[in-house]
């Protein structure tokens, strides 16, 4: 007589399955997630305005600093020039925020149709 002892062993590890799934997702082609696209478009509205206002603000700060150096370090020869450069620096810094607002509004007008259409599609 033959003794056929057939058995099946199975071990399940949730942690291992999660790791397998994460690795698998890395190599799958990216699906276009509409919510992620909506978030990206929303961020794209403020990005150009932020970049330009930062650049202009930094230039203004540098000009203001040069003006301060001229008035404090080289006060004998460049005092008046330092005051003029400092005032120009303050004016440039003061323009940074209005430029941010203008560029952001322009981007909102440009991207509004896409964002609204995508939001409407997602809310259904």
C-alpha atoms as a PDB file:
ATOM      1  CA  UNK A   1       0.000   0.000   0.000  1.00  0.00           C
ATOM      2  CA  UNK A   2       1.139   3.440  -0.910  1.00  0.00           C
ATOM      3  CA  UNK A   3       0.791   6.298   1.439  1.00  0.00           C
ATOM      4  CA  UNK A   4       0.122   9.448  -0.600  1.00  0.00           C
ATOM      5  CA  UNK A   5       0.335  12.202   1.911  1.00  0.00           C
ATOM      6  CA  UNK A   6      -0.308  15.272  -0.192  1.00  0.00           C
ATOM      7  CA  UNK A   7      -0.357  18.559   1.664  1.00  0.00           C
ATOM      8  CA  UNK A   8      -0.338  22.223   0.774  1.00  0.00           C
ATOM      9  CA  UNK A   9       1.460  24.881   2.769  1.00  0.00           C
ATOM     10  CA  UNK A  10       0.787  28.584   2.439  1.00  0.00           C
ATOM     11  CA  UNK A  11       2.204  31.504   4.368  1.00  0.00           C
ATOM     12  CA  UNK A  12       0.849  35.002   3.931  1.00  0.00           C
ATOM     13  CA  UNK A  13       2.686  38.117   4.926  1.00  0.00           C
ATOM     14  CA  UNK A  14       0.824  41.415   4.582  1.00  0.00           C
ATOM     15  CA  UNK A  15       4.029  43.402   4.906  1.00  0.00           C
ATOM     16  CA  UNK A  16       5.671  41.390   2.147  1.00  0.00           C
ATOM     17  CA  UNK A  17       2.641  41.808  -0.117  1.00  0.00           C
ATOM     18  CA  UNK A  18       2.674  45.588   0.450  1.00  0.00           C
ATOM     19  CA  UNK A  19       6.357  45.731  -0.441  1.00  0.00           C
ATOM     20  CA  UNK A  20       5.761  43.658  -3.566  1.00  0.00           C
ATOM     21  CA  UNK A  21       2.921  45.986  -4.569  1.00  0.00           C
ATOM     22  CA  UNK A  22       5.078  49.095  -4.048  1.00  0.00           C
ATOM     23  CA  UNK A  23       7.878  47.653  -6.176  1.00  0.00           C
ATOM     24  CA  UNK A  24       5.375  46.620  -8.836  1.00  0.00           C
ATOM     25  CA  UNK A  25       3.896  50.155  -8.975  1.00  0.00           C
ATOM     26  CA  UNK A  26       7.343  51.626  -9.684  1.00  0.00           C
ATOM     27  CA  UNK A  27       7.576  49.715 -12.931  1.00  0.00           C
ATOM     28  CA  UNK A  28       4.030  50.075 -14.176  1.00  0.00           C
ATOM     29  CA  UNK A  29       3.345  52.856 -16.658  1.00  0.00           C
ATOM     30  CA  UNK A  30       2.044  55.939 -14.897  1.00  0.00           C
ATOM     31  CA  UNK A  31      -1.698  56.296 -15.094  1.00  0.00           C
ATOM     32  CA  UNK A  32      -2.975  59.810 -15.333  1.00  0.00           C
ATOM     33  CA  UNK A  33      -4.672  60.414 -12.026  1.00  0.00           C
ATOM     34  CA  UNK A  34      -7.114  63.270 -12.494  1.00  0.00           C
ATOM     35  CA  UNK A  35      -6.910  64.406  -8.872  1.00  0.00           C
ATOM     36  CA  UNK A  36      -3.121  64.561  -9.099  1.00  0.00           C
ATOM     37  CA  UNK A  37      -3.432  66.546 -12.324  1.00  0.00           C
ATOM     38  CA  UNK A  38      -5.809  68.967 -10.605  1.00  0.00           C
ATOM     39  CA  UNK A  39      -3.321  69.454  -7.749  1.00  0.00           C
ATOM     40  CA  UNK A  40      -0.500  70.029 -10.238  1.00  0.00           C
ATOM     41  CA  UNK A  41      -2.498  72.622 -12.168  1.00  0.00           C
ATOM     42  CA  UNK A  42      -3.388  74.386  -8.928  1.00  0.00           C
ATOM     43  CA  UNK A  43       0.292  74.594  -7.975  1.00  0.00           C
ATOM     44  CA  UNK A  44       1.178  75.796 -11.475  1.00  0.00           C
ATOM     45  CA  UNK A  45      -1.014  78.862 -10.965  1.00  0.00           C
ATOM     46  CA  UNK A  46       1.220  80.416  -8.296  1.00  0.00           C
ATOM     47  CA  UNK A  47       4.617  79.056  -9.337  1.00  0.00           C
ATOM     48  CA  UNK A  48       5.639  81.637 -12.006  1.00  0.00           C
ATOM     49  CA  UNK A  49       4.488  84.565  -9.870  1.00  0.00           C
ATOM     50  CA  UNK A  50       6.399  83.237  -6.884  1.00  0.00           C
ATOM     51  CA  UNK A  51       9.588  82.766  -8.878  1.00  0.00           C
ATOM     52  CA  UNK A  52       9.470  86.231 -10.436  1.00  0.00           C
ATOM     53  CA  UNK A  53       8.602  87.991  -7.188  1.00  0.00           C
ATOM     54  CA  UNK A  54      11.444  86.208  -5.389  1.00  0.00           C
ATOM     55  CA  UNK A  55      13.952  87.162  -8.070  1.00  0.00           C
ATOM     56  CA  UNK A  56      12.821  90.790  -8.064  1.00  0.00           C
ATOM     57  CA  UNK A  57      12.722  90.921  -4.253  1.00  0.00           C
ATOM     58  CA  UNK A  58      16.234  89.505  -3.969  1.00  0.00           C
ATOM     59  CA  UNK A  59      17.550  92.002  -6.506  1.00  0.00           C
ATOM     60  CA  UNK A  60      15.892  94.788  -4.520  1.00  0.00           C
ATOM     61  CA  UNK A  61      17.450  93.530  -1.269  1.00  0.00           C
ATOM     62  CA  UNK A  62      20.863  93.384  -2.877  1.00  0.00           C
ATOM     63  CA  UNK A  63      20.519  96.936  -4.173  1.00  0.00           C
ATOM     64  CA  UNK A  64      19.374  98.083  -0.744  1.00  0.00           C
ATOM     65  CA  UNK A  65      22.392  96.357   0.821  1.00  0.00           C
ATOM     66  CA  UNK A  66      24.782  97.982  -1.623  1.00  0.00           C
ATOM     67  CA  UNK A  67      23.228 101.330  -0.777  1.00  0.00           C
ATOM     68  CA  UNK A  68      23.702 100.677   2.930  1.00  0.00           C
ATOM     69  CA  UNK A  69      27.333  99.708   2.357  1.00  0.00           C
ATOM     70  CA  UNK A  70      27.923 102.889   0.401  1.00  0.00           C
ATOM     71  CA  UNK A  71      26.459 105.051   3.172  1.00  0.00           C
ATOM     72  CA  UNK A  72      28.040 103.231   6.123  1.00  0.00           C
ATOM     73  CA  UNK A  73      31.415 102.013   4.868  1.00  0.00           C
ATOM     74  CA  UNK A  74      32.327 104.632   2.285  1.00  0.00           C
ATOM     75  CA  UNK A  75      30.406 107.523   3.843  1.00  0.00           C
ATOM     76  CA  UNK A  76      33.065 110.067   2.901  1.00  0.00           C
ATOM     77  CA  UNK A  77      32.764 109.577  -0.843  1.00  0.00           C
ATOM     78  CA  UNK A  78      29.610 107.581  -1.646  1.00  0.00           C
ATOM     79  CA  UNK A  79      27.036 108.724   0.938  1.00  0.00           C
ATOM     80  CA  UNK A  80      24.616 110.365  -1.520  1.00  0.00           C
ATOM     81  CA  UNK A  81      25.077 107.597  -4.098  1.00  0.00           C
ATOM     82  CA  UNK A  82      24.351 105.043  -1.362  1.00  0.00           C
ATOM     83  CA  UNK A  83      21.108 106.771  -0.423  1.00  0.00           C
ATOM     84  CA  UNK A  84      19.993 106.804  -4.071  1.00  0.00           C
ATOM     85  CA  UNK A  85      20.883 103.127  -4.558  1.00  0.00           C
ATOM     86  CA  UNK A  86      19.117 102.235  -1.289  1.00  0.00           C
ATOM     87  CA  UNK A  87      15.931 104.048  -2.346  1.00  0.00           C
ATOM     88  CA  UNK A  88      16.019 102.269  -5.714  1.00  0.00           C
ATOM     89  CA  UNK A  89      16.426  98.953  -3.840  1.00  0.00           C
ATOM     90  CA  UNK A  90      13.412  99.715  -1.640  1.00  0.00           C
ATOM     91  CA  UNK A  91      11.345 100.594  -4.719  1.00  0.00           C
ATOM     92  CA  UNK A  92      12.324  97.329  -6.417  1.00  0.00           C
ATOM     93  CA  UNK A  93      11.408  95.360  -3.264  1.00  0.00           C
ATOM     94  CA  UNK A  94       8.085  97.188  -3.136  1.00  0.00           C
ATOM     95  CA  UNK A  95       7.272  96.129  -6.702  1.00  0.00           C
ATOM     96  CA  UNK A  96       7.815  92.411  -6.019  1.00  0.00           C
ATOM     97  CA  UNK A  97       4.392  91.723  -4.468  1.00  0.00           C
ATOM     98  CA  UNK A  98       2.321  93.555  -7.103  1.00  0.00           C
ATOM     99  CA  UNK A  99       4.225  91.613  -9.763  1.00  0.00           C
ATOM    100  CA  UNK A 100       3.361  88.367  -7.953  1.00  0.00           C
ATOM    101  CA  UNK A 101      -0.332  89.327  -7.921  1.00  0.00           C
ATOM    102  CA  UNK A 102      -0.316  90.311 -11.610  1.00  0.00           C
ATOM    103  CA  UNK A 103       1.432  87.157 -12.826  1.00  0.00           C
ATOM    104  CA  UNK A 104      -0.719  84.909 -10.615  1.00  0.00           C
ATOM    105  CA  UNK A 105      -3.946  86.458 -11.909  1.00  0.00           C
ATOM    106  CA  UNK A 106      -2.703  86.004 -15.468  1.00  0.00           C
ATOM    107  CA  UNK A 107      -1.962  82.330 -14.760  1.00  0.00           C
ATOM    108  CA  UNK A 108      -5.381  81.886 -13.122  1.00  0.00           C
ATOM    109  CA  UNK A 109      -7.086  83.224 -16.220  1.00  0.00           C
ATOM    110  CA  UNK A 110      -4.966  80.986 -18.409  1.00  0.00           C
ATOM    111  CA  UNK A 111      -5.508  77.758 -16.423  1.00  0.00           C
ATOM    112  CA  UNK A 112      -9.037  78.392 -15.112  1.00  0.00           C
ATOM    113  CA  UNK A 113     -10.872  76.563 -17.944  1.00  0.00           C
ATOM    114  CA  UNK A 114      -8.756  73.422 -17.490  1.00  0.00           C
ATOM    115  CA  UNK A 115      -9.031  73.480 -13.703  1.00  0.00           C
ATOM    116  CA  UNK A 116     -12.787  74.088 -13.705  1.00  0.00           C
ATOM    117  CA  UNK A 117     -13.442  71.375 -16.289  1.00  0.00           C
ATOM    118  CA  UNK A 118     -11.336  68.874 -14.366  1.00  0.00           C
ATOM    119  CA  UNK A 119     -12.953  69.830 -11.048  1.00  0.00           C
ATOM    120  CA  UNK A 120     -16.411  69.437 -12.588  1.00  0.00           C
ATOM    121  CA  UNK A 121     -15.469  66.025 -13.970  1.00  0.00           C
ATOM    122  CA  UNK A 122     -14.120  64.872 -10.603  1.00  0.00           C
ATOM    123  CA  UNK A 123     -17.114  66.101  -8.627  1.00  0.00           C
ATOM    124  CA  UNK A 124     -19.553  63.932 -10.606  1.00  0.00           C
END
